[in-house]
Amino acid sequence: MHTALPLRAAAAFTALALTAAALSACSSSSAPEENPNYTTTPSDEFPVTVEHQFGETTIPAEPQRIVVVGVTEQDILLELGMPPIATTEWYGEQPYAVWPWATELLGDAEPVVLDQTDGFEFEKIASLRPDLIVGTNAGLDEDTYDKLSKIAPTVAQIDGTEAYFSDWKEQTLIISAAVGRSAEGEELIVEVEDAYAEAAAAHPEWKGLSATFSQGGAWEGNLYVYPDGLNTDFLTELGFVMTPGLEAYADEPGSQALISPENVGLLEADVVVFATEEEGAIEDLLSFGTLSSLPAVVENRSVYTDGELAGAIYFLTPLSQKYVIEKLVPRLEDAVAGTAPRDIAG
């Protein structure tokens, strides 16, 4: 999987050759019954048309059987009151691939969980008879998009963005438009922006402080660290400035910087956030190169997250960001003060 994803979840996507006839045979053209798990009604009139990287997709009527082939889009649909009939496992093996910050919004829905370990499960997706496939954060290429489009109207990533981690605001807008709830999608964005603004206003001393965000452990001899603009909104919206120059260590645009043991000094900042996921990860992390002697570590200006907070940061959806603001802000307060504990509980 694309390196902008947590490494424990990385897996290669392989193409699956399916004919258009086979895909069409598995799908159904009959109108689906109303989804009993929806808690909202459309505010837009159908049909609606949305634009994405591979062109335009028209959704003729309110979708009732939405399949999510990306790794985070279920959050947006759940917050719009539209539980999908299928989600896609990313990592963490959460029930229905829905993380704790979103579980309550599932209600009685029990979505099927798809697995992309060996590629997209085209036949299984078709058997679900979807009337909308959502893949704004799925790493779709044009061939895969074409195959999915033969099953049902498919919404891909935003034009001009990376395959993964397209701008969260743009994802929210395109998904909410596709399901006939464009105004509600805009409201979700405003809620998050207001929450960030409130937290930033309460901490004016954070404005201009430097910050680094790193995954919580080494992979194949490197730490994967996030350059400015790659999943770093949760810090920059609070007033922090991301450590510059990390882009030079990324293999390609839109991926993390690969930091070797001899370069761990590049992580130094006023605050460093490590996406650790369990207590034992901290010891392993700090044994990487000279990381244990990094001033931000020695001076207790580093945050070590638990698994749920790490997951919320990686998801970067409106729903997960509100969880991040709630859980991370107190830890950042400690880190700026030089009193951050060296444990995942904060």
Protein backbone atom coordinates (compact mmCIF):
# COMPACT_ATOMS: atom_id res chain seq x y z
CA MET A 1 0.00 0.00 0.00
CA HIS A 2 1.07 3.57 -0.57
CA THR A 3 3.68 4.75 1.93
CA ALA A 4 1.42 7.53 3.20
CA LEU A 5 -0.36 4.82 5.20
CA PRO A 6 0.73 3.35 8.55
CA LEU A 7 3.36 0.78 7.73
CA ARG A 8 1.84 -2.05 9.75
CA ALA A 9 -1.09 -1.80 7.33
CA ALA A 10 0.99 -1.63 4.14
CA ALA A 11 0.25 -4.19 1.47
CA ALA A 12 0.64 -4.25 -2.29
CA PHE A 13 -2.51 -3.82 -4.35
CA THR A 14 -2.57 -6.30 -7.22
CA ALA A 15 -4.75 -6.04 -10.30
CA LEU A 16 -7.55 -8.56 -10.73
CA ALA A 17 -8.58 -9.25 -14.33
CA LEU A 18 -12.36 -9.35 -14.57
CA THR A 19 -14.44 -8.94 -17.70
CA ALA A 20 -17.18 -6.36 -17.94
CA ALA A 21 -19.69 -9.15 -18.53
CA ALA A 22 -18.73 -10.91 -15.31
CA LEU A 23 -19.00 -7.73 -13.32
CA SER A 24 -22.35 -6.86 -14.83
CA ALA A 25 -23.67 -10.33 -14.11
CA CYS A 26 -22.88 -9.95 -10.41
CA SER A 27 -24.54 -6.56 -10.11
CA SER A 28 -28.22 -5.72 -10.14
CA SER A 29 -30.03 -2.95 -11.95
CA SER A 30 -33.14 -3.18 -9.78
CA ALA A 31 -33.77 -0.30 -7.42
CA PRO A 32 -32.68 -1.17 -3.87
CA GLU A 33 -35.01 -0.88 -0.90
CA GLU A 34 -34.56 2.07 1.39
CA ASN A 35 -31.69 1.60 3.81
CA PRO A 36 -33.23 1.06 7.27
CA ASN A 37 -30.10 2.35 9.02
CA TYR A 38 -30.12 5.86 7.56
CA THR A 39 -30.90 8.60 10.06
CA THR A 40 -31.03 11.55 7.64
CA THR A 41 -32.71 12.47 4.36
CA PRO A 42 -31.23 14.20 1.31
CA SER A 43 -31.07 17.97 1.16
CA ASP A 44 -30.12 17.98 -2.54
CA GLU A 45 -32.17 16.88 -5.52
CA PHE A 46 -31.10 13.90 -7.58
CA PRO A 47 -29.58 13.15 -9.99
CA VAL A 48 -26.29 14.64 -8.83
CA THR A 49 -22.97 14.72 -10.66
CA VAL A 50 -19.54 14.94 -9.02
CA GLU A 51 -16.13 15.46 -10.59
CA HIS A 52 -13.00 13.51 -9.65
CA GLN A 53 -9.64 12.46 -11.04
CA PHE A 54 -11.09 10.17 -13.70
CA GLY A 55 -13.93 12.37 -14.89
CA GLU A 56 -17.52 12.73 -13.74
CA THR A 57 -19.89 10.36 -11.97
CA THR A 58 -23.64 10.79 -11.96
CA ILE A 59 -25.69 9.29 -9.16
CA PRO A 60 -29.30 9.02 -10.41
CA ALA A 61 -31.05 8.64 -7.05
CA GLU A 62 -30.26 8.62 -3.36
CA PRO A 63 -27.90 5.66 -2.89
CA GLN A 64 -29.10 3.04 -0.44
CA ARG A 65 -26.32 0.47 -0.72
CA ILE A 66 -23.00 2.30 -0.41
CA VAL A 67 -19.77 0.32 -0.53
CA VAL A 68 -16.59 1.98 0.77
CA VAL A 69 -13.45 0.72 -0.97
CA GLY A 70 -11.20 3.36 0.59
CA VAL A 71 -9.77 3.16 4.08
CA THR A 72 -11.35 6.14 5.87
CA GLU A 73 -14.48 7.27 4.02
CA GLN A 74 -16.87 5.42 6.33
CA ASP A 75 -16.34 8.14 8.93
CA ILE A 76 -17.82 10.79 6.65
CA LEU A 77 -20.80 8.65 5.67
CA LEU A 78 -21.51 7.76 9.28
CA GLU A 79 -21.45 11.38 10.33
CA LEU A 80 -23.85 12.16 7.48
CA GLY A 81 -26.21 9.54 8.91
CA MET A 82 -25.63 7.01 6.11
CA PRO A 83 -23.95 3.81 7.34
CA PRO A 84 -22.44 1.97 4.34
CA ILE A 85 -23.23 -1.67 3.65
CA ALA A 86 -19.49 -2.41 3.33
CA THR A 87 -16.27 -0.91 4.63
CA THR A 88 -12.63 -1.76 3.94
CA GLU A 89 -10.17 -2.96 6.56
CA TRP A 90 -7.12 -0.74 6.85
CA TYR A 91 -5.44 -1.78 10.07
CA GLY A 92 -6.35 -2.26 13.71
CA GLU A 93 -9.04 -4.90 13.09
CA GLN A 94 -11.78 -2.76 14.62
CA PRO A 95 -15.33 -4.17 14.51
CA TYR A 96 -16.77 -3.48 11.04
CA ALA A 97 -13.55 -1.50 10.32
CA VAL A 98 -15.08 1.35 12.32
CA TRP A 99 -12.96 2.94 15.05
CA PRO A 100 -14.22 3.91 18.54
CA TRP A 101 -14.80 7.60 17.73
CA ALA A 102 -17.38 6.51 15.12
CA THR A 103 -18.85 3.32 16.57
CA GLU A 104 -21.95 4.93 18.09
CA LEU A 105 -22.97 6.24 14.68
CA LEU A 106 -23.21 2.70 13.28
CA GLY A 107 -26.49 2.11 15.10
CA ASP A 108 -27.79 -1.29 14.06
CA ALA A 109 -25.77 -1.39 10.86
CA GLU A 110 -23.40 -4.33 10.39
CA PRO A 111 -21.38 -3.58 7.27
CA VAL A 112 -19.45 -6.27 5.45
CA VAL A 113 -15.70 -5.73 5.78
CA LEU A 114 -13.67 -5.92 2.58
CA ASP A 115 -9.99 -6.87 2.52
CA GLN A 116 -7.50 -5.40 0.05
CA THR A 117 -4.52 -7.49 1.11
CA ASP A 118 -4.56 -9.30 -2.24
CA GLY A 119 -6.16 -6.50 -4.22
CA PHE A 120 -9.67 -5.19 -4.61
CA GLU A 121 -12.35 -7.85 -4.11
CA PHE A 122 -14.28 -7.03 -7.28
CA GLU A 123 -16.50 -10.10 -7.27
CA LYS A 124 -17.42 -9.66 -3.62
CA ILE A 125 -18.13 -5.97 -4.18
CA ALA A 126 -20.39 -6.80 -7.11
CA SER A 127 -22.22 -9.44 -5.08
CA LEU A 128 -23.21 -6.74 -2.58
CA ARG A 129 -25.26 -5.00 -5.32
CA PRO A 130 -24.00 -1.49 -4.48
CA ASP A 131 -25.62 1.57 -5.99
CA LEU A 132 -22.62 3.75 -5.07
CA ILE A 133 -18.94 2.91 -4.55
CA VAL A 134 -16.86 5.43 -2.61
CA GLY A 135 -13.09 5.41 -3.13
CA THR A 136 -11.75 8.89 -2.46
CA ASN A 137 -9.03 7.42 -0.24
CA ALA A 138 -8.49 4.10 -1.97
CA GLY A 139 -5.46 4.64 -4.18
CA LEU A 140 -7.51 3.98 -7.31
CA ASP A 141 -5.83 3.92 -10.69
CA GLU A 142 -7.84 4.37 -13.86
CA ASP A 143 -8.04 0.66 -14.61
CA THR A 144 -9.40 -0.13 -11.15
CA TYR A 145 -11.81 2.79 -11.38
CA ASP A 146 -13.11 1.48 -14.70
CA LYS A 147 -13.70 -1.99 -13.24
CA LEU A 148 -15.53 -0.59 -10.22
CA SER A 149 -17.60 1.71 -12.44
CA LYS A 150 -18.92 -1.33 -14.28
CA ILE A 151 -20.38 -2.49 -10.98
CA ALA A 152 -21.90 0.82 -9.79
CA PRO A 153 -21.34 4.59 -9.99
CA THR A 154 -17.92 5.15 -8.41
CA VAL A 155 -16.43 8.27 -6.85
CA ALA A 156 -12.62 8.42 -6.95
CA GLN A 157 -10.01 10.73 -5.43
CA ILE A 158 -9.99 14.44 -6.14
CA ASP A 159 -8.29 15.51 -9.36
CA GLY A 160 -4.72 16.68 -8.85
CA THR A 161 -4.20 14.99 -5.48
CA GLU A 162 -2.22 12.00 -4.29
CA ALA A 163 -3.86 8.57 -4.41
CA TYR A 164 -4.11 8.51 -0.61
CA PHE A 165 -4.78 11.30 1.85
CA SER A 166 -6.50 13.65 -0.52
CA ASP A 167 -7.40 16.87 1.26
CA TRP A 168 -9.91 15.94 3.96
CA LYS A 169 -12.11 18.92 3.18
CA GLU A 170 -12.30 18.03 -0.51
CA GLN A 171 -13.09 14.42 0.36
CA THR A 172 -15.88 15.54 2.67
CA LEU A 173 -17.36 17.80 0.01
CA ILE A 174 -17.30 15.25 -2.82
CA ILE A 175 -18.73 12.44 -0.69
CA SER A 176 -21.48 14.59 0.79
CA ALA A 177 -22.40 15.86 -2.68
CA ALA A 178 -22.52 12.31 -4.05
CA VAL A 179 -25.05 11.28 -1.40
CA GLY A 180 -27.19 14.38 -1.72
CA ARG A 181 -26.09 16.07 1.47
CA SER A 182 -23.73 18.81 0.28
CA ALA A 183 -24.85 21.40 2.85
CA GLU A 184 -24.39 18.90 5.65
CA GLY A 185 -20.89 18.14 4.42
CA GLU A 186 -20.01 21.81 4.55
CA GLU A 187 -21.30 21.90 8.12
CA LEU A 188 -18.98 19.04 9.10
CA ILE A 189 -16.02 21.05 7.82
CA VAL A 190 -17.10 24.18 9.68
CA GLU A 191 -17.44 22.20 12.91
CA VAL A 192 -13.85 21.00 12.66
CA GLU A 193 -12.52 24.42 11.67
CA ASP A 194 -14.33 25.98 14.64
CA ALA A 195 -12.92 23.36 17.01
CA TYR A 196 -9.39 24.02 15.78
CA ALA A 197 -9.88 27.78 16.00
CA GLU A 198 -11.15 27.50 19.57
CA ALA A 199 -8.21 25.33 20.63
CA ALA A 200 -5.71 27.61 18.88
CA ALA A 201 -7.23 30.73 20.46
CA ALA A 202 -6.90 29.11 23.88
CA HIS A 203 -3.18 28.49 23.20
CA PRO A 204 -1.73 31.57 21.46
CA GLU A 205 1.71 30.54 22.71
CA TRP A 206 1.65 27.66 20.20
CA LYS A 207 1.61 29.93 17.17
CA GLY A 208 4.90 29.57 15.28
CA LEU A 209 6.31 26.77 17.44
CA SER A 210 7.91 23.99 15.40
CA ALA A 211 6.52 20.47 15.38
CA THR A 212 7.43 17.08 13.93
CA PHE A 213 5.07 14.15 13.39
CA SER A 214 6.54 10.66 13.08
CA GLN A 215 5.24 7.14 13.03
CA GLY A 216 5.90 5.30 16.24
CA GLY A 217 8.52 2.83 15.17
CA ALA A 218 11.15 2.04 12.55
CA TRP A 219 10.36 0.02 9.44
CA GLU A 220 13.10 -1.60 7.39
CA GLY A 221 15.75 0.60 8.96
CA ASN A 222 13.96 3.95 8.72
CA LEU A 223 11.57 6.13 10.64
CA TYR A 224 8.70 7.39 8.51
CA VAL A 225 8.20 11.08 9.23
CA TYR A 226 5.54 13.36 7.76
CA PRO A 227 6.57 16.43 5.75
CA ASP A 228 4.47 19.58 5.95
CA GLY A 229 1.09 19.09 4.29
CA LEU A 230 1.05 15.29 4.47
CA ASN A 231 -1.44 14.44 7.22
CA THR A 232 -0.18 17.32 9.37
CA ASP A 233 -3.31 19.49 9.57
CA PHE A 234 -3.89 18.36 13.15
CA LEU A 235 -0.81 20.37 14.17
CA THR A 236 -0.73 23.27 11.72
CA GLU A 237 -4.37 24.15 12.41
CA LEU A 238 -3.38 24.59 16.06
CA GLY A 239 -0.68 27.10 15.14
CA PHE A 240 2.38 24.87 14.91
CA VAL A 241 4.80 25.03 11.98
CA MET A 242 6.04 21.70 10.65
CA THR A 243 9.76 20.96 10.59
CA PRO A 244 11.02 22.05 7.15
CA GLY A 245 13.15 20.12 4.70
CA LEU A 246 11.78 16.63 5.26
CA GLU A 247 10.44 16.47 1.68
CA ALA A 248 14.00 15.90 0.48
CA TYR A 249 14.00 12.50 2.22
CA ALA A 250 10.76 11.24 0.64
CA ASP A 251 10.97 8.69 -2.17
CA GLU A 252 8.17 10.43 -4.06
CA PRO A 253 5.76 13.34 -3.62
CA GLY A 254 2.96 12.56 -1.22
CA SER A 255 4.92 10.05 0.86
CA GLN A 256 6.72 10.19 4.16
CA ALA A 257 10.34 11.11 4.66
CA LEU A 258 12.55 8.08 5.31
CA ILE A 259 14.82 9.02 8.18
CA SER A 260 17.79 6.74 8.83
CA PRO A 261 19.41 6.32 12.26
CA GLU A 262 22.18 8.81 11.48
CA ASN A 263 19.61 11.48 10.57
CA VAL A 264 17.33 11.37 13.59
CA GLY A 265 18.49 14.85 14.54
CA LEU A 266 16.24 16.12 11.74
CA LEU A 267 13.24 15.38 13.96
CA GLU A 268 14.19 18.00 16.56
CA ALA A 269 11.45 20.58 17.10
CA ASP A 270 9.70 22.43 19.91
CA VAL A 271 7.26 19.50 20.00
CA VAL A 272 7.54 16.01 18.52
CA VAL A 273 4.51 13.72 18.19
CA PHE A 274 5.20 10.00 17.84
CA ALA A 275 2.31 7.79 16.73
CA THR A 276 3.14 4.94 19.07
CA GLU A 277 0.35 2.40 19.51
CA GLU A 278 1.32 0.43 22.59
CA GLU A 279 3.44 0.97 25.67
CA GLY A 280 6.25 -1.32 24.58
CA ALA A 281 6.71 0.64 21.38
CA ILE A 282 8.30 3.57 23.20
CA GLU A 283 11.36 1.62 24.29
CA ASP A 284 11.88 0.24 20.80
CA LEU A 285 11.40 3.68 19.28
CA LEU A 286 13.93 5.36 21.52
CA SER A 287 16.53 2.71 20.72
CA PHE A 288 16.54 3.88 17.11
CA GLY A 289 19.85 5.61 16.45
CA THR A 290 20.43 8.44 18.93
CA LEU A 291 16.74 9.26 19.28
CA SER A 292 16.86 8.84 23.05
CA SER A 293 19.24 11.82 23.24
CA LEU A 294 17.14 14.09 21.01
CA PRO A 295 16.56 17.29 23.03
CA ALA A 296 12.78 17.04 22.54
CA VAL A 297 12.89 13.57 24.07
CA VAL A 298 15.30 14.40 26.90
CA GLU A 299 13.41 17.58 27.79
CA ASN A 300 10.00 15.88 27.81
CA ARG A 301 8.69 17.78 24.80
CA SER A 302 7.58 14.62 23.00
CA VAL A 303 4.12 13.08 22.84
CA TYR A 304 3.61 9.31 22.56
CA THR A 305 0.10 8.36 21.47
CA ASP A 306 -1.95 5.30 22.25
CA GLY A 307 -3.38 3.20 19.44
CA GLU A 308 -6.73 4.97 19.18
CA LEU A 309 -5.22 8.44 19.06
CA ALA A 310 -2.70 7.29 16.46
CA GLY A 311 -5.53 5.87 14.39
CA ALA A 312 -7.53 9.10 14.65
CA ILE A 313 -4.53 11.12 13.47
CA TYR A 314 -4.01 8.80 10.49
CA PHE A 315 -7.70 8.87 9.52
CA LEU A 316 -7.84 12.68 9.32
CA THR A 317 -11.61 12.80 8.81
CA PRO A 318 -13.92 15.44 10.31
CA LEU A 319 -15.02 12.94 12.94
CA SER A 320 -11.55 11.69 13.84
CA GLN A 321 -10.11 15.20 14.01
CA LYS A 322 -12.60 16.21 16.68
CA TYR A 323 -11.42 13.18 18.64
CA VAL A 324 -7.79 14.24 18.05
CA ILE A 325 -8.45 17.76 19.31
CA GLU A 326 -10.09 16.42 22.46
CA LYS A 327 -7.37 13.89 23.26
CA LEU A 328 -4.20 15.51 21.91
CA VAL A 329 -4.51 19.12 23.09
CA PRO A 330 -3.84 18.26 26.77
CA ARG A 331 -0.78 16.27 25.72
CA LEU A 332 0.50 19.15 23.61
CA GLU A 333 0.08 21.45 26.60
CA ASP A 334 2.38 19.16 28.59
CA ALA A 335 4.88 18.88 25.75
CA VAL A 336 5.16 22.63 25.27
CA ALA A 337 5.67 22.98 29.03
CA GLY A 338 8.36 20.26 29.01
CA THR A 339 6.33 17.99 31.30
CA ALA A 340 5.06 15.37 28.85
CA PRO A 341 5.13 11.87 30.38
CA ARG A 342 7.00 9.14 28.57
CA ASP A 343 4.01 6.86 28.22
CA ILE A 344 1.10 6.38 25.81
CA ALA A 345 -1.54 7.27 28.40
CA GLY A 346 -0.49 10.90 28.36
